[in-house]
C-alpha cells in the first residue's frame, strides 16, 4: 500500500512539472516571436542630414586691389604671389622706332607683403598703394646704356679747298636721349605699377658750324693777283688786286676778317723801316687805305682800297691786298666779320 501511494505521488509530481515546463516554453516562444516582429516591421525610416560648407575666413575682402591687382577673395599668400607676378611684368620702352623691354626686378623691389597686410584690413573696393623701392644706381646704369646706344654726335660743316677752290662739307645733326626725363618716367611707371609703353623721342643736336657759315669765302691768288668771292662753293665775283712784294709777301694760309672800318685812318707800322718817318693819314683822297678796311687776323694785313690804282695787278704792296676803291666798297658790303679768307 505504501508503494502504491508513493508511486501515485511521483506520477502526480511529474504531471505538475510537465505542465509548468510547457507554460514557460510557450511564454518564451511568444516573447521571441513578438520581439522579432517589432524589429522588422516597426523601425522608423532613416533620413540624410543636409551638408553645409563653412566659408574660409583667412581671405582678403572682396573688391580689394593692390596697385590695380585684384586680390579680393585670395589668401594672403596667393595675394602676395599675384602682386609680385604683376610687378615682374616687363615695362615696354619705345625709343623712336626701337622697342625695348625693361625688367623691373633688375632695378627695383616691390614690398608686396606689406601692401597685402594693409589690404587685409582695408574696406571692400579699396585700391591699396604698392610701395616700390627703386635702386638709383641700377636705373641710372640702364638709362645711360640707352642714351649711349641712341646718341649721335653732331658733325660741323667743314670748309676745305681743292685746286684753290672752296669745298664745303655739309653739317650733320646729332641726336640725344633726355636721360633725366626718361629716368623720371620709368620711376613713375614702376610706382604706379603701370606697364603701358613709355614712348621716348630723341632730341636733335644742332651742329655749331653750319654750311651757312661759309656762304662767303674769299680766295686770293698771289700768283695772278686775283681775288675771288665765293658763295659757298659757287663763284660769285672776282677782282684784280695787288699783293705783297717779294720782300713783304702777303701771308699764305687760312685767315678771317676780324675788323671792318669805313673811311679809316692810316697809321704807319711801328717796326717797319719802310714806314719810318711817316705820319698818320686821315680819311680822304690821299689815304693809302682808300675808303674801306677789312682787317685779317694776320697782324697788320688787310683788304683795302688804294690811292695808287696803277699798282693793281702787281705784287706791289707791303703785305696787304689792295683793290680799286669801288671794288673794295662793293666787297665791304657783301662780306662780314668772320668771313674766311684763303690766300694761296
C-alpha atoms as a PDB file:
ATOM      1  CA  UNK A   1       0.000   0.000   0.000  1.00  0.00           C
ATOM      2  CA  UNK A   2       2.793   2.278   0.896  1.00  0.00           C
ATOM      3  CA  UNK A   3       4.494   1.591  -2.512  1.00  0.00           C
ATOM      4  CA  UNK A   4       1.305   2.314  -4.419  1.00  0.00           C
ATOM      5  CA  UNK A   5       0.837   5.519  -2.518  1.00  0.00           C
ATOM      6  CA  UNK A   6       4.430   6.606  -3.316  1.00  0.00           C
ATOM      7  CA  UNK A   7       4.081   5.787  -6.974  1.00  0.00           C
ATOM      8  CA  UNK A   8       0.905   7.838  -7.165  1.00  0.00           C
ATOM      9  CA  UNK A   9       2.591  10.836  -5.607  1.00  0.00           C
ATOM     10  CA  UNK A  10       5.526  10.537  -8.052  1.00  0.00           C
ATOM     11  CA  UNK A  11       3.172  10.423 -11.027  1.00  0.00           C
ATOM     12  CA  UNK A  12       1.321  13.470  -9.814  1.00  0.00           C
ATOM     13  CA  UNK A  13       4.642  15.336  -9.374  1.00  0.00           C
ATOM     14  CA  UNK A  14       5.782  14.596 -12.904  1.00  0.00           C
ATOM     15  CA  UNK A  15       2.466  15.760 -14.300  1.00  0.00           C
ATOM     16  CA  UNK A  16       2.669  19.009 -12.426  1.00  0.00           C
ATOM     17  CA  UNK A  17       6.263  19.555 -13.547  1.00  0.00           C
ATOM     18  CA  UNK A  18       5.354  18.954 -17.197  1.00  0.00           C
ATOM     19  CA  UNK A  19       2.537  21.443 -17.074  1.00  0.00           C
ATOM     20  CA  UNK A  20       4.839  24.149 -15.627  1.00  0.00           C
ATOM     21  CA  UNK A  21       7.568  23.485 -18.163  1.00  0.00           C
ATOM     22  CA  UNK A  22       5.159  23.772 -21.082  1.00  0.00           C
ATOM     23  CA  UNK A  23       3.893  27.097 -19.844  1.00  0.00           C
ATOM     24  CA  UNK A  24       7.444  28.501 -19.593  1.00  0.00           C
ATOM     25  CA  UNK A  25       8.426  27.358 -23.114  1.00  0.00           C
ATOM     26  CA  UNK A  26       5.239  28.782 -24.588  1.00  0.00           C
ATOM     27  CA  UNK A  27       5.923  32.177 -22.972  1.00  0.00           C
ATOM     28  CA  UNK A  28       9.498  32.291 -24.210  1.00  0.00           C
ATOM     29  CA  UNK A  29       8.409  31.417 -27.760  1.00  0.00           C
ATOM     30  CA  UNK A  30       5.702  34.020 -27.794  1.00  0.00           C
ATOM     31  CA  UNK A  31       8.042  36.707 -26.464  1.00  0.00           C
ATOM     32  CA  UNK A  32      10.728  35.910 -29.014  1.00  0.00           C
ATOM     33  CA  UNK A  33       8.266  35.987 -31.885  1.00  0.00           C
ATOM     34  CA  UNK A  34       6.887  39.351 -30.840  1.00  0.00           C
ATOM     35  CA  UNK A  35      10.335  40.898 -30.466  1.00  0.00           C
ATOM     36  CA  UNK A  36      11.392  39.772 -33.949  1.00  0.00           C
ATOM     37  CA  UNK A  37       8.257  41.191 -35.498  1.00  0.00           C
ATOM     38  CA  UNK A  38       8.814  44.563 -33.853  1.00  0.00           C
ATOM     39  CA  UNK A  39      12.373  44.897 -35.262  1.00  0.00           C
ATOM     40  CA  UNK A  40      11.483  44.056 -38.820  1.00  0.00           C
ATOM     41  CA  UNK A  41       8.194  45.852 -39.190  1.00  0.00           C
ATOM     42  CA  UNK A  42       8.102  48.875 -36.899  1.00  0.00           C
ATOM     43  CA  UNK A  43      11.662  50.508 -37.286  1.00  0.00           C
ATOM     44  CA  UNK A  44      11.327  54.183 -38.474  1.00  0.00           C
ATOM     45  CA  UNK A  45      12.847  55.173 -41.937  1.00  0.00           C
ATOM     46  CA  UNK A  46      16.346  56.830 -41.923  1.00  0.00           C
ATOM     47  CA  UNK A  47      16.982  60.348 -43.479  1.00  0.00           C
ATOM     48  CA  UNK A  48      20.337  62.104 -44.562  1.00  0.00           C
ATOM     49  CA  UNK A  49      21.088  65.394 -42.829  1.00  0.00           C
ATOM     50  CA  UNK A  50      21.953  68.386 -45.243  1.00  0.00           C
ATOM     51  CA  UNK A  51      25.733  69.135 -45.725  1.00  0.00           C
ATOM     52  CA  UNK A  52      26.931  72.778 -45.163  1.00  0.00           C
ATOM     53  CA  UNK A  53      30.396  74.281 -46.233  1.00  0.00           C
ATOM     54  CA  UNK A  54      31.966  76.831 -43.929  1.00  0.00           C
ATOM     55  CA  UNK A  55      33.459  79.731 -45.956  1.00  0.00           C
ATOM     56  CA  UNK A  56      37.186  80.378 -45.390  1.00  0.00           C
ATOM     57  CA  UNK A  57      37.900  83.207 -43.008  1.00  0.00           C
ATOM     58  CA  UNK A  58      41.576  83.948 -43.912  1.00  0.00           C
ATOM     59  CA  UNK A  59      40.956  85.748 -47.213  1.00  0.00           C
ATOM     60  CA  UNK A  60      41.128  89.398 -48.268  1.00  0.00           C
ATOM     61  CA  UNK A  61      37.921  91.465 -48.505  1.00  0.00           C
ATOM     62  CA  UNK A  62      36.078  91.301 -51.775  1.00  0.00           C
ATOM     63  CA  UNK A  63      36.893  94.015 -54.319  1.00  0.00           C
ATOM     64  CA  UNK A  64      40.197  94.982 -52.732  1.00  0.00           C
ATOM     65  CA  UNK A  65      43.140  95.666 -55.077  1.00  0.00           C
ATOM     66  CA  UNK A  66      46.834  96.270 -54.601  1.00  0.00           C
ATOM     67  CA  UNK A  67      48.217  98.699 -57.203  1.00  0.00           C
ATOM     68  CA  UNK A  68      45.389  97.674 -59.520  1.00  0.00           C
ATOM     69  CA  UNK A  69      45.878  93.906 -58.991  1.00  0.00           C
ATOM     70  CA  UNK A  70      42.694  92.120 -57.880  1.00  0.00           C
ATOM     71  CA  UNK A  71      43.391  90.339 -54.601  1.00  0.00           C
ATOM     72  CA  UNK A  72      39.900  90.209 -53.076  1.00  0.00           C
ATOM     73  CA  UNK A  73      38.939  86.686 -52.059  1.00  0.00           C
ATOM     74  CA  UNK A  74      42.559  85.456 -52.132  1.00  0.00           C
ATOM     75  CA  UNK A  75      44.558  84.228 -49.199  1.00  0.00           C
ATOM     76  CA  UNK A  76      47.472  86.442 -48.166  1.00  0.00           C
ATOM     77  CA  UNK A  77      49.977  84.058 -49.739  1.00  0.00           C
ATOM     78  CA  UNK A  78      48.033  83.998 -53.003  1.00  0.00           C
ATOM     79  CA  UNK A  79      47.708  87.780 -52.967  1.00  0.00           C
ATOM     80  CA  UNK A  80      51.448  88.321 -52.430  1.00  0.00           C
ATOM     81  CA  UNK A  81      52.226  85.949 -55.314  1.00  0.00           C
ATOM     82  CA  UNK A  82      49.752  87.745 -57.586  1.00  0.00           C
ATOM     83  CA  UNK A  83      51.188  91.192 -56.788  1.00  0.00           C
ATOM     84  CA  UNK A  84      54.768  90.022 -57.330  1.00  0.00           C
ATOM     85  CA  UNK A  85      53.864  88.379 -60.620  1.00  0.00           C
ATOM     86  CA  UNK A  86      52.184  91.557 -61.865  1.00  0.00           C
ATOM     87  CA  UNK A  87      55.137  93.729 -60.821  1.00  0.00           C
ATOM     88  CA  UNK A  88      57.607  91.447 -62.613  1.00  0.00           C
ATOM     89  CA  UNK A  89      55.965  92.058 -65.993  1.00  0.00           C
ATOM     90  CA  UNK A  90      58.401  93.845 -68.371  1.00  0.00           C
ATOM     91  CA  UNK A  91      57.972  97.565 -68.960  1.00  0.00           C
ATOM     92  CA  UNK A  92      57.991  98.394 -72.710  1.00  0.00           C
ATOM     93  CA  UNK A  93      60.155 101.403 -73.622  1.00  0.00           C
ATOM     94  CA  UNK A  94      59.846 102.674 -77.213  1.00  0.00           C
ATOM     95  CA  UNK A  95      62.740 104.886 -78.329  1.00  0.00           C
ATOM     96  CA  UNK A  96      61.821 106.378 -81.703  1.00  0.00           C
ATOM     97  CA  UNK A  97      61.114 103.196 -83.686  1.00  0.00           C
ATOM     98  CA  UNK A  98      63.026 100.776 -81.471  1.00  0.00           C
ATOM     99  CA  UNK A  99      61.212  98.651 -78.896  1.00  0.00           C
ATOM    100  CA  UNK A 100      62.958  97.711 -75.635  1.00  0.00           C
ATOM    101  CA  UNK A 101      61.836  95.755 -72.578  1.00  0.00           C
ATOM    102  CA  UNK A 102      62.892  96.757 -69.080  1.00  0.00           C
ATOM    103  CA  UNK A 103      62.845  94.063 -66.376  1.00  0.00           C
ATOM    104  CA  UNK A 104      61.548  95.883 -63.262  1.00  0.00           C
ATOM    105  CA  UNK A 105      63.068  93.334 -60.891  1.00  0.00           C
ATOM    106  CA  UNK A 106      66.560  94.368 -62.042  1.00  0.00           C
ATOM    107  CA  UNK A 107      66.192  97.952 -60.892  1.00  0.00           C
ATOM    108  CA  UNK A 108      63.513  97.930 -58.175  1.00  0.00           C
ATOM    109  CA  UNK A 109      61.895  95.963 -55.367  1.00  0.00           C
ATOM    110  CA  UNK A 110      58.163  95.834 -54.626  1.00  0.00           C
ATOM    111  CA  UNK A 111      57.034  95.494 -50.998  1.00  0.00           C
ATOM    112  CA  UNK A 112      54.177  93.128 -51.829  1.00  0.00           C
ATOM    113  CA  UNK A 113      53.812  91.541 -48.356  1.00  0.00           C
ATOM    114  CA  UNK A 114      53.418  94.943 -46.699  1.00  0.00           C
ATOM    115  CA  UNK A 115      50.780  96.015 -49.228  1.00  0.00           C
ATOM    116  CA  UNK A 116      48.833  92.758 -48.769  1.00  0.00           C
ATOM    117  CA  UNK A 117      48.914  93.179 -44.991  1.00  0.00           C
ATOM    118  CA  UNK A 118      47.252  96.571 -45.416  1.00  0.00           C
ATOM    119  CA  UNK A 119      44.774  95.120 -47.900  1.00  0.00           C
ATOM    120  CA  UNK A 120      43.588  92.568 -45.306  1.00  0.00           C
ATOM    121  CA  UNK A 121      42.154  95.355 -43.161  1.00  0.00           C
ATOM    122  CA  UNK A 122      41.057  97.622 -45.999  1.00  0.00           C
ATOM    123  CA  UNK A 123      37.460  98.410 -46.862  1.00  0.00           C
ATOM    124  CA  UNK A 124      35.958  96.470 -49.799  1.00  0.00           C
ATOM    125  CA  UNK A 125      36.702  98.184 -53.100  1.00  0.00           C
ATOM    126  CA  UNK A 126      39.903  99.873 -51.845  1.00  0.00           C
ATOM    127  CA  UNK A 127      42.968 100.099 -54.090  1.00  0.00           C
ATOM    128  CA  UNK A 128      45.960  99.802 -51.767  1.00  0.00           C
ATOM    129  CA  UNK A 129      49.209 101.537 -52.797  1.00  0.00           C
ATOM    130  CA  UNK A 130      52.226  99.346 -53.528  1.00  0.00           C
ATOM    131  CA  UNK A 131      55.464 100.777 -52.168  1.00  0.00           C
ATOM    132  CA  UNK A 132      58.325 100.370 -54.659  1.00  0.00           C
ATOM    133  CA  UNK A 133      61.998 100.878 -53.857  1.00  0.00           C
ATOM    134  CA  UNK A 134      63.955 101.887 -56.964  1.00  0.00           C
ATOM    135  CA  UNK A 135      67.702 101.253 -56.913  1.00  0.00           C
ATOM    136  CA  UNK A 136      69.154 104.512 -58.160  1.00  0.00           C
ATOM    137  CA  UNK A 137      72.451 103.144 -59.459  1.00  0.00           C
ATOM    138  CA  UNK A 138      70.694 100.387 -61.385  1.00  0.00           C
ATOM    139  CA  UNK A 139      68.159 102.645 -63.122  1.00  0.00           C
ATOM    140  CA  UNK A 140      70.842 105.229 -63.988  1.00  0.00           C
ATOM    141  CA  UNK A 141      73.031 102.477 -65.438  1.00  0.00           C
ATOM    142  CA  UNK A 142      70.160 101.220 -67.624  1.00  0.00           C
ATOM    143  CA  UNK A 143      69.244 104.712 -68.826  1.00  0.00           C
ATOM    144  CA  UNK A 144      72.918 105.505 -69.545  1.00  0.00           C
ATOM    145  CA  UNK A 145      73.147 102.419 -71.750  1.00  0.00           C
ATOM    146  CA  UNK A 146      70.071 103.564 -73.678  1.00  0.00           C
ATOM    147  CA  UNK A 147      71.490 107.076 -74.010  1.00  0.00           C
ATOM    148  CA  UNK A 148      74.779 105.721 -75.371  1.00  0.00           C
ATOM    149  CA  UNK A 149      73.005 103.405 -77.810  1.00  0.00           C
ATOM    150  CA  UNK A 150      70.916 106.119 -79.432  1.00  0.00           C
ATOM    151  CA  UNK A 151      73.210 109.136 -79.130  1.00  0.00           C
ATOM    152  CA  UNK A 152      74.681 110.591 -82.317  1.00  0.00           C
ATOM    153  CA  UNK A 153      77.331 113.304 -82.242  1.00  0.00           C
ATOM    154  CA  UNK A 154      76.609 116.307 -84.414  1.00  0.00           C
ATOM    155  CA  UNK A 155      79.100 116.915 -87.228  1.00  0.00           C
ATOM    156  CA  UNK A 156      80.035 120.502 -88.029  1.00  0.00           C
ATOM    157  CA  UNK A 157      80.210 121.747 -91.595  1.00  0.00           C
ATOM    158  CA  UNK A 158      83.786 121.919 -92.861  1.00  0.00           C
ATOM    159  CA  UNK A 159      85.497 124.096 -95.398  1.00  0.00           C
ATOM    160  CA  UNK A 160      88.289 122.568 -97.448  1.00  0.00           C
ATOM    161  CA  UNK A 161      89.967 123.610-100.647  1.00  0.00           C
ATOM    162  CA  UNK A 162      90.678 121.669-103.781  1.00  0.00           C
ATOM    163  CA  UNK A 163      92.742 123.300-106.509  1.00  0.00           C
ATOM    164  CA  UNK A 164      92.399 126.630-104.664  1.00  0.00           C
ATOM    165  CA  UNK A 165      88.613 126.378-104.774  1.00  0.00           C
ATOM    166  CA  UNK A 166      86.444 126.022-101.673  1.00  0.00           C
ATOM    167  CA  UNK A 167      84.648 122.753-100.967  1.00  0.00           C
ATOM    168  CA  UNK A 168      82.027 122.845 -98.232  1.00  0.00           C
ATOM    169  CA  UNK A 169      81.170 119.616 -96.440  1.00  0.00           C
ATOM    170  CA  UNK A 170      77.677 119.981 -95.033  1.00  0.00           C
ATOM    171  CA  UNK A 171      76.881 119.577 -91.383  1.00  0.00           C
ATOM    172  CA  UNK A 172      75.021 116.647 -89.870  1.00  0.00           C
ATOM    173  CA  UNK A 173      72.643 116.976 -86.955  1.00  0.00           C
ATOM    174  CA  UNK A 174      73.109 114.692 -83.977  1.00  0.00           C
ATOM    175  CA  UNK A 175      70.572 113.310 -81.536  1.00  0.00           C
ATOM    176  CA  UNK A 176      70.371 112.514 -77.862  1.00  0.00           C
ATOM    177  CA  UNK A 177      68.069 110.936 -75.294  1.00  0.00           C
ATOM    178  CA  UNK A 178      66.789 113.116 -72.466  1.00  0.00           C
ATOM    179  CA  UNK A 179      68.098 110.821 -69.738  1.00  0.00           C
ATOM    180  CA  UNK A 180      66.637 112.820 -66.839  1.00  0.00           C
ATOM    181  CA  UNK A 181      63.132 112.773 -68.305  1.00  0.00           C
ATOM    182  CA  UNK A 182      63.377 109.049 -69.120  1.00  0.00           C
ATOM    183  CA  UNK A 183      64.529 108.250 -65.565  1.00  0.00           C
ATOM    184  CA  UNK A 184      61.593 110.172 -64.087  1.00  0.00           C
ATOM    185  CA  UNK A 185      59.093 108.398 -66.329  1.00  0.00           C
ATOM    186  CA  UNK A 186      60.465 104.935 -65.513  1.00  0.00           C
ATOM    187  CA  UNK A 187      60.284 105.564 -61.755  1.00  0.00           C
ATOM    188  CA  UNK A 188      56.740 106.935 -62.094  1.00  0.00           C
ATOM    189  CA  UNK A 189      55.583 103.883 -64.082  1.00  0.00           C
ATOM    190  CA  UNK A 190      57.054 101.474 -61.526  1.00  0.00           C
ATOM    191  CA  UNK A 191      55.467 103.337 -58.609  1.00  0.00           C
ATOM    192  CA  UNK A 192      52.084 103.182 -60.356  1.00  0.00           C
ATOM    193  CA  UNK A 193      52.675  99.553 -61.356  1.00  0.00           C
ATOM    194  CA  UNK A 194      51.826 100.613 -64.894  1.00  0.00           C
ATOM    195  CA  UNK A 195      53.074  98.611 -67.849  1.00  0.00           C
ATOM    196  CA  UNK A 196      51.798 100.926 -70.563  1.00  0.00           C
ATOM    197  CA  UNK A 197      54.557 101.560 -73.152  1.00  0.00           C
ATOM    198  CA  UNK A 198      56.813 104.552 -72.475  1.00  0.00           C
ATOM    199  CA  UNK A 199      57.342 106.421 -75.758  1.00  0.00           C
ATOM    200  CA  UNK A 200      60.571 108.387 -75.988  1.00  0.00           C
ATOM    201  CA  UNK A 201      61.650 110.692 -78.808  1.00  0.00           C
ATOM    202  CA  UNK A 202      65.304 111.520 -79.256  1.00  0.00           C
ATOM    203  CA  UNK A 203      66.128 115.210 -79.442  1.00  0.00           C
ATOM    204  CA  UNK A 204      68.089 116.775 -82.263  1.00  0.00           C
ATOM    205  CA  UNK A 205      71.523 118.172 -81.512  1.00  0.00           C
ATOM    206  CA  UNK A 206      72.353 121.017 -83.863  1.00  0.00           C
ATOM    207  CA  UNK A 207      75.941 121.399 -85.064  1.00  0.00           C
ATOM    208  CA  UNK A 208      77.850 124.502 -84.023  1.00  0.00           C
ATOM    209  CA  UNK A 209      79.076 125.220 -87.544  1.00  0.00           C
ATOM    210  CA  UNK A 210      76.680 125.005 -90.479  1.00  0.00           C
ATOM    211  CA  UNK A 211      77.250 125.362 -94.193  1.00  0.00           C
ATOM    212  CA  UNK A 212      75.755 128.852 -93.993  1.00  0.00           C
ATOM    213  CA  UNK A 213      78.889 129.839 -92.078  1.00  0.00           C
ATOM    214  CA  UNK A 214      80.682 129.552 -95.405  1.00  0.00           C
ATOM    215  CA  UNK A 215      78.217 131.482 -97.538  1.00  0.00           C
ATOM    216  CA  UNK A 216      81.019 133.935 -98.299  1.00  0.00           C
ATOM    217  CA  UNK A 217      84.550 132.697 -98.880  1.00  0.00           C
ATOM    218  CA  UNK A 218      87.350 134.843-100.277  1.00  0.00           C
ATOM    219  CA  UNK A 219      90.198 133.189-102.150  1.00  0.00           C
ATOM    220  CA  UNK A 220      93.230 135.335-103.051  1.00  0.00           C
ATOM    221  CA  UNK A 221      95.729 134.009-105.561  1.00  0.00           C
ATOM    222  CA  UNK A 222      99.058 135.754-105.100  1.00  0.00           C
ATOM    223  CA  UNK A 223     100.496 134.357-108.326  1.00  0.00           C
ATOM    224  CA  UNK A 224      97.957 136.000-110.599  1.00  0.00           C
ATOM    225  CA  UNK A 225      96.916 138.808-108.201  1.00  0.00           C
ATOM    226  CA  UNK A 226      93.271 137.931-108.254  1.00  0.00           C
ATOM    227  CA  UNK A 227      90.599 137.920-105.542  1.00  0.00           C
ATOM    228  CA  UNK A 228      87.604 135.542-105.834  1.00  0.00           C
ATOM    229  CA  UNK A 229      84.416 135.800-103.794  1.00  0.00           C
ATOM    230  CA  UNK A 230      82.534 132.509-103.487  1.00  0.00           C
ATOM    231  CA  UNK A 231      79.015 131.873-102.289  1.00  0.00           C
ATOM    232  CA  UNK A 232      79.757 128.556-100.626  1.00  0.00           C
ATOM    233  CA  UNK A 233      81.363 126.573-103.427  1.00  0.00           C
ATOM    234  CA  UNK A 234      79.875 128.765-106.170  1.00  0.00           C
ATOM    235  CA  UNK A 235      81.922 131.621-107.636  1.00  0.00           C
ATOM    236  CA  UNK A 236      80.157 134.967-107.247  1.00  0.00           C
ATOM    237  CA  UNK A 237      82.632 137.678-108.310  1.00  0.00           C
ATOM    238  CA  UNK A 238      86.355 138.132-108.986  1.00  0.00           C
ATOM    239  CA  UNK A 239      88.520 141.246-108.839  1.00  0.00           C
ATOM    240  CA  UNK A 240      92.077 142.240-109.765  1.00  0.00           C
ATOM    241  CA  UNK A 241      94.197 143.074-106.742  1.00  0.00           C
ATOM    242  CA  UNK A 242      97.746 143.947-105.749  1.00  0.00           C
ATOM    243  CA  UNK A 243      99.543 141.663-103.309  1.00  0.00           C
ATOM    244  CA  UNK A 244     102.778 141.948-101.382  1.00  0.00           C
ATOM    245  CA  UNK A 245     106.202 142.474-102.774  1.00  0.00           C
ATOM    246  CA  UNK A 246     108.691 139.653-102.553  1.00  0.00           C
ATOM    247  CA  UNK A 247     110.301 141.269 -99.501  1.00  0.00           C
ATOM    248  CA  UNK A 248     106.882 141.921 -97.912  1.00  0.00           C
ATOM    249  CA  UNK A 249     104.847 138.921 -99.073  1.00  0.00           C
ATOM    250  CA  UNK A 250     101.185 138.550 -98.388  1.00  0.00           C
ATOM    251  CA  UNK A 251     100.977 135.639 -95.911  1.00  0.00           C
ATOM    252  CA  UNK A 252      99.590 132.405 -97.248  1.00  0.00           C
ATOM    253  CA  UNK A 253      97.074 130.331 -95.324  1.00  0.00           C
ATOM    254  CA  UNK A 254      93.586 130.395 -93.890  1.00  0.00           C
ATOM    255  CA  UNK A 255      92.533 133.656 -92.273  1.00  0.00           C
ATOM    256  CA  UNK A 256      89.387 135.524 -91.285  1.00  0.00           C
ATOM    257  CA  UNK A 257      88.150 139.076 -91.391  1.00  0.00           C
ATOM    258  CA  UNK A 258      88.221 140.405 -87.842  1.00  0.00           C
ATOM    259  CA  UNK A 259      87.578 144.154 -88.220  1.00  0.00           C
ATOM    260  CA  UNK A 260      85.770 146.312 -90.806  1.00  0.00           C
ATOM    261  CA  UNK A 261      86.126 150.092 -90.946  1.00  0.00           C
ATOM    262  CA  UNK A 262      84.707 152.748 -93.222  1.00  0.00           C
ATOM    263  CA  UNK A 263      86.873 155.762 -94.054  1.00  0.00           C
ATOM    264  CA  UNK A 264      89.736 154.548 -91.885  1.00  0.00           C
ATOM    265  CA  UNK A 265      92.815 156.385 -90.712  1.00  0.00           C
ATOM    266  CA  UNK A 266      96.153 155.034 -91.906  1.00  0.00           C
ATOM    267  CA  UNK A 267      98.829 154.598 -89.259  1.00  0.00           C
ATOM    268  CA  UNK A 268     102.431 153.810 -90.225  1.00  0.00           C
ATOM    269  CA  UNK A 269     103.638 150.423 -88.952  1.00  0.00           C
ATOM    270  CA  UNK A 270     105.825 150.924 -85.905  1.00  0.00           C
ATOM    271  CA  UNK A 271     108.507 148.343 -86.594  1.00  0.00           C
ATOM    272  CA  UNK A 272     108.747 148.560 -90.398  1.00  0.00           C
ATOM    273  CA  UNK A 273     111.718 150.531 -91.734  1.00  0.00           C
ATOM    274  CA  UNK A 274     109.875 151.492 -94.908  1.00  0.00           C
ATOM    275  CA  UNK A 275     107.365 153.494 -92.820  1.00  0.00           C
ATOM    276  CA  UNK A 276     109.950 155.277 -90.719  1.00  0.00           C
ATOM    277  CA  UNK A 277     109.230 158.998 -90.507  1.00  0.00           C
ATOM    278  CA  UNK A 278     105.714 158.724 -91.981  1.00  0.00           C
ATOM    279  CA  UNK A 279     102.795 160.255 -90.166  1.00  0.00           C
ATOM    280  CA  UNK A 280      99.167 159.049 -89.773  1.00  0.00           C
ATOM    281  CA  UNK A 281      96.867 159.969 -92.671  1.00  0.00           C
ATOM    282  CA  UNK A 282      93.218 160.889 -92.002  1.00  0.00           C
ATOM    283  CA  UNK A 283      90.338 159.751 -94.213  1.00  0.00           C
ATOM    284  CA  UNK A 284      90.337 161.387 -97.627  1.00  0.00           C
ATOM    285  CA  UNK A 285      91.596 161.112-101.186  1.00  0.00           C
ATOM    286  CA  UNK A 286      95.244 160.670-100.198  1.00  0.00           C
ATOM    287  CA  UNK A 287      94.624 157.858 -97.699  1.00  0.00           C
ATOM    288  CA  UNK A 288      96.658 154.701 -98.604  1.00  0.00           C
ATOM    289  CA  UNK A 289      93.700 152.534 -97.459  1.00  0.00           C
ATOM    290  CA  UNK A 290      91.135 154.193 -99.686  1.00  0.00           C
ATOM    291  CA  UNK A 291      87.691 154.303 -98.124  1.00  0.00           C
ATOM    292  CA  UNK A 292      87.398 150.741 -96.715  1.00  0.00           C
ATOM    293  CA  UNK A 293      89.493 148.475 -94.470  1.00  0.00           C
ATOM    294  CA  UNK A 294      88.831 144.761 -93.869  1.00  0.00           C
ATOM    295  CA  UNK A 295      91.499 143.640 -91.416  1.00  0.00           C
ATOM    296  CA  UNK A 296      92.562 139.983 -91.119  1.00  0.00           C
ATOM    297  CA  UNK A 297      93.710 138.037 -88.086  1.00  0.00           C
ATOM    298  CA  UNK A 298      97.174 138.112 -89.602  1.00  0.00           C
ATOM    299  CA  UNK A 299      98.692 141.154 -87.805  1.00  0.00           C
ATOM    300  CA  UNK A 300      98.913 144.275 -89.945  1.00  0.00           C
ATOM    301  CA  UNK A 301      97.372 142.623 -93.035  1.00  0.00           C
ATOM    302  CA  UNK A 302      94.012 143.540 -94.551  1.00  0.00           C
ATOM    303  CA  UNK A 303      91.998 144.028 -97.714  1.00  0.00           C
ATOM    304  CA  UNK A 304      91.524 147.695 -98.576  1.00  0.00           C
ATOM    305  CA  UNK A 305      91.198 150.310-101.293  1.00  0.00           C
ATOM    306  CA  UNK A 306      94.195 152.289-102.518  1.00  0.00           C
ATOM    307  CA  UNK A 307      95.243 155.730-103.577  1.00  0.00           C
ATOM    308  CA  UNK A 308      97.546 154.097-106.141  1.00  0.00           C
ATOM    309  CA  UNK A 309      95.231 152.347-108.646  1.00  0.00           C
ATOM    310  CA  UNK A 310      98.124 151.750-111.041  1.00  0.00           C
ATOM    311  CA  UNK A 311      99.554 149.142-108.649  1.00  0.00           C
ATOM    312  CA  UNK A 312      96.571 146.824-109.119  1.00  0.00           C
ATOM    313  CA  UNK A 313      97.583 143.618-110.845  1.00  0.00           C
ATOM    314  CA  UNK A 314     101.114 143.632-109.436  1.00  0.00           C
ATOM    315  CA  UNK A 315     102.987 142.455-106.396  1.00  0.00           C
ATOM    316  CA  UNK A 316     103.424 145.965-105.088  1.00  0.00           C
ATOM    317  CA  UNK A 317     102.110 146.225-101.538  1.00  0.00           C
ATOM    318  CA  UNK A 318     103.752 145.782 -98.163  1.00  0.00           C
ATOM    319  CA  UNK A 319     101.747 142.610 -97.449  1.00  0.00           C
ATOM    320  CA  UNK A 320      98.151 143.844 -97.744  1.00  0.00           C
ATOM    321  CA  UNK A 321      95.688 143.176-100.546  1.00  0.00           C
ATOM    322  CA  UNK A 322      94.900 146.326-102.470  1.00  0.00           C
ATOM    323  CA  UNK A 323      91.717 146.806-104.501  1.00  0.00           C
ATOM    324  CA  UNK A 324      90.261 149.541-106.641  1.00  0.00           C
ATOM    325  CA  UNK A 325      88.222 151.814-104.359  1.00  0.00           C
ATOM    326  CA  UNK A 326      84.830 150.942-105.957  1.00  0.00           C
ATOM    327  CA  UNK A 327      85.676 147.224-105.782  1.00  0.00           C
ATOM    328  CA  UNK A 328      86.668 147.486-102.112  1.00  0.00           C
ATOM    329  CA  UNK A 329      83.434 149.310-101.326  1.00  0.00           C
ATOM    330  CA  UNK A 330      81.367 146.621-103.095  1.00  0.00           C
ATOM    331  CA  UNK A 331      83.198 143.798-101.316  1.00  0.00           C
ATOM    332  CA  UNK A 332      82.816 145.583 -97.966  1.00  0.00           C
ATOM    333  CA  UNK A 333      79.026 145.495 -98.415  1.00  0.00           C
ATOM    334  CA  UNK A 334      78.985 141.769 -99.242  1.00  0.00           C
ATOM    335  CA  UNK A 335      81.140 140.281 -96.504  1.00  0.00           C
ATOM    336  CA  UNK A 336      81.178 140.460 -92.719  1.00  0.00           C
ATOM    337  CA  UNK A 337      83.370 139.885 -89.726  1.00  0.00           C
ATOM    338  CA  UNK A 338      84.196 136.180 -89.636  1.00  0.00           C
ATOM    339  CA  UNK A 339      84.341 135.706 -93.420  1.00  0.00           C
ATOM    340  CA  UNK A 340      87.009 133.154 -94.369  1.00  0.00           C
ATOM    341  CA  UNK A 341      89.947 134.375 -96.444  1.00  0.00           C
ATOM    342  CA  UNK A 342      92.148 131.752 -98.064  1.00  0.00           C
ATOM    343  CA  UNK A 343      95.424 133.027 -99.529  1.00  0.00           C
ATOM    344  CA  UNK A 344      97.299 130.761-101.945  1.00  0.00           C
END
